N, C-alpha and C. Protein backbone atom coordinates (compact mmCIF):
# COMPACT_ATOMS: atom_id res chain seq x y z
N MET A 1 -68.89 102.79 -228.18
CA MET A 1 -69.23 103.60 -227.04
C MET A 1 -70.69 103.34 -226.72
N ASP A 2 -71.01 103.19 -225.44
CA ASP A 2 -72.39 102.95 -225.07
C ASP A 2 -73.15 104.27 -224.97
N ARG A 3 -74.36 104.25 -224.43
CA ARG A 3 -75.21 105.45 -224.39
C ARG A 3 -74.70 106.52 -223.45
N GLU A 4 -73.94 106.16 -222.44
CA GLU A 4 -73.40 107.17 -221.53
C GLU A 4 -72.15 107.76 -222.15
N VAL A 5 -72.15 109.05 -222.37
CA VAL A 5 -71.00 109.72 -222.95
C VAL A 5 -69.84 109.64 -221.98
N GLY A 6 -68.67 109.28 -222.49
CA GLY A 6 -67.49 109.23 -221.64
C GLY A 6 -67.21 107.87 -221.05
N ARG A 7 -68.00 106.87 -221.37
CA ARG A 7 -67.76 105.52 -220.88
C ARG A 7 -67.58 104.61 -222.09
N ARG A 8 -66.61 103.74 -222.03
CA ARG A 8 -66.40 102.77 -223.10
C ARG A 8 -66.43 101.38 -222.52
N SER A 9 -67.16 100.51 -223.17
CA SER A 9 -67.18 99.11 -222.75
C SER A 9 -66.12 98.35 -223.54
N ILE A 10 -65.28 97.64 -222.82
CA ILE A 10 -64.27 96.79 -223.44
C ILE A 10 -64.47 95.42 -222.82
N GLY A 11 -65.13 94.54 -223.55
CA GLY A 11 -65.51 93.26 -222.97
C GLY A 11 -66.51 93.52 -221.85
N SER A 12 -66.21 93.01 -220.66
CA SER A 12 -67.09 93.24 -219.52
C SER A 12 -66.63 94.44 -218.68
N GLU A 13 -65.51 95.07 -219.07
CA GLU A 13 -64.99 96.21 -218.32
C GLU A 13 -65.49 97.52 -218.92
N VAL A 14 -65.66 98.51 -218.07
CA VAL A 14 -66.04 99.85 -218.52
C VAL A 14 -64.94 100.81 -218.10
N SER A 15 -64.40 101.55 -219.06
CA SER A 15 -63.36 102.52 -218.73
C SER A 15 -63.91 103.93 -218.91
N THR A 16 -63.37 104.87 -218.17
CA THR A 16 -63.79 106.25 -218.25
C THR A 16 -62.94 106.99 -219.26
N VAL A 17 -63.57 107.80 -220.09
CA VAL A 17 -62.87 108.59 -221.09
C VAL A 17 -62.76 110.02 -220.57
N TRP A 18 -61.54 110.45 -220.31
CA TRP A 18 -61.28 111.80 -219.81
C TRP A 18 -60.96 112.71 -220.97
N ARG A 19 -61.49 113.93 -220.93
CA ARG A 19 -61.25 114.91 -221.99
C ARG A 19 -60.74 116.21 -221.38
N LYS A 20 -59.78 116.81 -222.10
CA LYS A 20 -59.22 118.09 -221.69
C LYS A 20 -59.58 119.12 -222.75
N SER A 21 -59.80 120.35 -222.34
CA SER A 21 -60.14 121.41 -223.27
C SER A 21 -59.05 121.57 -224.33
N SER A 22 -59.47 121.81 -225.56
CA SER A 22 -58.50 122.05 -226.63
C SER A 22 -57.79 123.38 -226.40
N ARG A 23 -58.35 124.25 -225.57
CA ARG A 23 -57.72 125.54 -225.28
C ARG A 23 -56.69 125.44 -224.16
N SER A 24 -56.55 124.29 -223.56
CA SER A 24 -55.66 124.17 -222.40
C SER A 24 -54.20 124.35 -222.75
N SER A 25 -53.81 124.14 -224.00
CA SER A 25 -52.41 124.27 -224.36
C SER A 25 -52.09 125.64 -224.95
N ASN A 26 -53.08 126.51 -225.10
CA ASN A 26 -52.83 127.84 -225.64
C ASN A 26 -51.95 128.65 -224.70
N GLY A 27 -50.92 129.27 -225.24
CA GLY A 27 -50.06 130.14 -224.45
C GLY A 27 -49.17 129.40 -223.46
N GLY A 28 -49.03 128.11 -223.59
CA GLY A 28 -48.17 127.35 -222.69
C GLY A 28 -48.74 127.15 -221.31
N ASN A 29 -50.03 127.38 -221.13
CA ASN A 29 -50.66 127.23 -219.82
C ASN A 29 -50.89 125.75 -219.53
N ALA A 30 -50.19 125.23 -218.55
CA ALA A 30 -50.31 123.81 -218.21
C ALA A 30 -51.40 123.56 -217.17
N ASN A 31 -52.04 124.62 -216.66
CA ASN A 31 -53.08 124.47 -215.65
C ASN A 31 -54.40 124.14 -216.32
N CYS A 32 -54.89 122.96 -216.10
CA CYS A 32 -56.13 122.57 -216.75
C CYS A 32 -56.80 121.46 -215.96
N VAL A 33 -58.08 121.33 -216.17
CA VAL A 33 -58.83 120.22 -215.61
C VAL A 33 -59.32 119.34 -216.74
N GLU A 34 -59.63 118.11 -216.41
CA GLU A 34 -60.21 117.18 -217.36
C GLU A 34 -61.58 116.77 -216.84
N ILE A 35 -62.49 116.47 -217.75
CA ILE A 35 -63.80 115.98 -217.35
C ILE A 35 -64.10 114.66 -218.03
N ALA A 36 -64.92 113.88 -217.37
CA ALA A 36 -65.45 112.64 -217.93
C ALA A 36 -66.95 112.69 -217.69
N LEU A 37 -67.71 112.64 -218.76
CA LEU A 37 -69.17 112.69 -218.64
C LEU A 37 -69.73 111.29 -218.50
N THR A 38 -70.58 111.11 -217.52
CA THR A 38 -71.24 109.82 -217.29
C THR A 38 -72.72 110.10 -217.08
N GLY A 39 -73.45 110.17 -218.16
CA GLY A 39 -74.85 110.55 -218.07
C GLY A 39 -74.96 112.04 -217.79
N VAL A 40 -75.71 112.44 -216.78
CA VAL A 40 -75.85 113.85 -216.44
C VAL A 40 -74.79 114.31 -215.43
N THR A 41 -73.98 113.40 -214.93
CA THR A 41 -72.93 113.70 -213.96
C THR A 41 -71.60 113.87 -214.68
N ALA A 42 -70.75 114.76 -214.16
CA ALA A 42 -69.41 114.92 -214.70
C ALA A 42 -68.41 114.72 -213.57
N ALA A 43 -67.38 113.95 -213.85
CA ALA A 43 -66.26 113.81 -212.93
C ALA A 43 -65.19 114.78 -213.39
N VAL A 44 -64.53 115.46 -212.46
CA VAL A 44 -63.53 116.47 -212.78
C VAL A 44 -62.25 116.14 -212.02
N ARG A 45 -61.11 116.28 -212.71
CA ARG A 45 -59.82 116.04 -212.06
C ARG A 45 -58.78 117.01 -212.60
N ASP A 46 -57.68 117.14 -211.89
CA ASP A 46 -56.54 117.96 -212.30
C ASP A 46 -55.77 117.19 -213.37
N SER A 47 -55.57 117.78 -214.53
CA SER A 47 -54.89 117.07 -215.61
C SER A 47 -53.44 116.75 -215.30
N LYS A 48 -52.83 117.51 -214.38
CA LYS A 48 -51.45 117.25 -214.01
C LYS A 48 -51.32 116.12 -213.01
N ASN A 49 -52.44 115.69 -212.43
CA ASN A 49 -52.43 114.63 -211.41
C ASN A 49 -53.57 113.65 -211.70
N PRO A 50 -53.48 112.88 -212.78
CA PRO A 50 -54.58 112.02 -213.18
C PRO A 50 -54.92 110.90 -212.21
N THR A 51 -54.00 110.55 -211.32
CA THR A 51 -54.31 109.51 -210.33
C THR A 51 -54.76 110.10 -209.01
N GLY A 52 -54.83 111.43 -208.95
CA GLY A 52 -55.25 112.11 -207.72
C GLY A 52 -56.76 112.10 -207.56
N PRO A 53 -57.25 112.90 -206.63
CA PRO A 53 -58.69 112.92 -206.34
C PRO A 53 -59.51 113.52 -207.48
N THR A 54 -60.76 113.14 -207.52
CA THR A 54 -61.71 113.70 -208.48
C THR A 54 -62.91 114.24 -207.70
N ILE A 55 -63.63 115.15 -208.33
CA ILE A 55 -64.90 115.60 -207.76
C ILE A 55 -65.99 115.25 -208.75
N SER A 56 -67.17 115.07 -208.23
CA SER A 56 -68.31 114.72 -209.07
C SER A 56 -69.31 115.87 -209.05
N LEU A 57 -69.70 116.31 -210.23
CA LEU A 57 -70.71 117.36 -210.36
C LEU A 57 -71.99 116.70 -210.85
N PRO A 58 -73.00 116.59 -209.99
CA PRO A 58 -74.20 115.84 -210.34
C PRO A 58 -75.07 116.50 -211.41
N ASP A 59 -74.96 117.81 -211.60
CA ASP A 59 -75.80 118.50 -212.59
C ASP A 59 -74.91 119.30 -213.53
N TRP A 60 -74.15 118.62 -214.36
CA TRP A 60 -73.18 119.26 -215.25
C TRP A 60 -73.85 120.25 -216.18
N SER A 61 -74.99 119.89 -216.76
CA SER A 61 -75.65 120.80 -217.68
C SER A 61 -76.15 122.05 -216.95
N GLY A 62 -76.58 121.92 -215.71
CA GLY A 62 -76.97 123.07 -214.91
C GLY A 62 -75.79 123.97 -214.60
N PHE A 63 -74.64 123.37 -214.30
CA PHE A 63 -73.42 124.13 -214.05
C PHE A 63 -73.02 124.92 -215.30
N LEU A 64 -73.05 124.27 -216.46
CA LEU A 64 -72.69 124.95 -217.70
C LEU A 64 -73.64 126.10 -218.00
N ALA A 65 -74.93 125.88 -217.80
CA ALA A 65 -75.92 126.93 -218.06
C ALA A 65 -75.67 128.13 -217.14
N ALA A 66 -75.39 127.88 -215.86
CA ALA A 66 -75.12 128.96 -214.92
C ALA A 66 -73.84 129.71 -215.30
N ALA A 67 -72.81 128.98 -215.71
CA ALA A 67 -71.55 129.62 -216.13
C ALA A 67 -71.77 130.49 -217.37
N LYS A 68 -72.54 130.00 -218.32
CA LYS A 68 -72.81 130.78 -219.53
C LYS A 68 -73.62 132.03 -219.22
N ASN A 69 -74.44 131.98 -218.18
CA ASN A 69 -75.25 133.13 -217.79
C ASN A 69 -74.52 134.08 -216.85
N GLY A 70 -73.26 133.80 -216.55
CA GLY A 70 -72.44 134.70 -215.74
C GLY A 70 -72.56 134.50 -214.24
N ALA A 71 -73.15 133.41 -213.79
CA ALA A 71 -73.34 133.19 -212.36
C ALA A 71 -72.04 133.13 -211.58
N TYR A 72 -70.93 132.79 -212.22
CA TYR A 72 -69.67 132.64 -211.52
C TYR A 72 -68.68 133.75 -211.86
N ASP A 73 -69.13 134.76 -212.61
CA ASP A 73 -68.26 135.90 -212.95
C ASP A 73 -67.99 136.72 -211.70
N ARG A 74 -66.83 137.30 -211.62
CA ARG A 74 -66.50 138.16 -210.48
C ARG A 74 -66.87 139.57 -210.78
């Protein structure tokens, strides 16, 4: 694995490593997202549709910090 988390070099090709939360299978809940970290950016996709669209979050660590501080709580 190179220095960017979530990227693997295989020869001259680079593949993205997608990860799903270990809590996603608790209680039979199939609704989950997967993330791939590429430096400070995170790509996010629906785990049920891996070939579908993805979104890019340019400040993943900032998003996590805000979520931990309750910024997205209702």
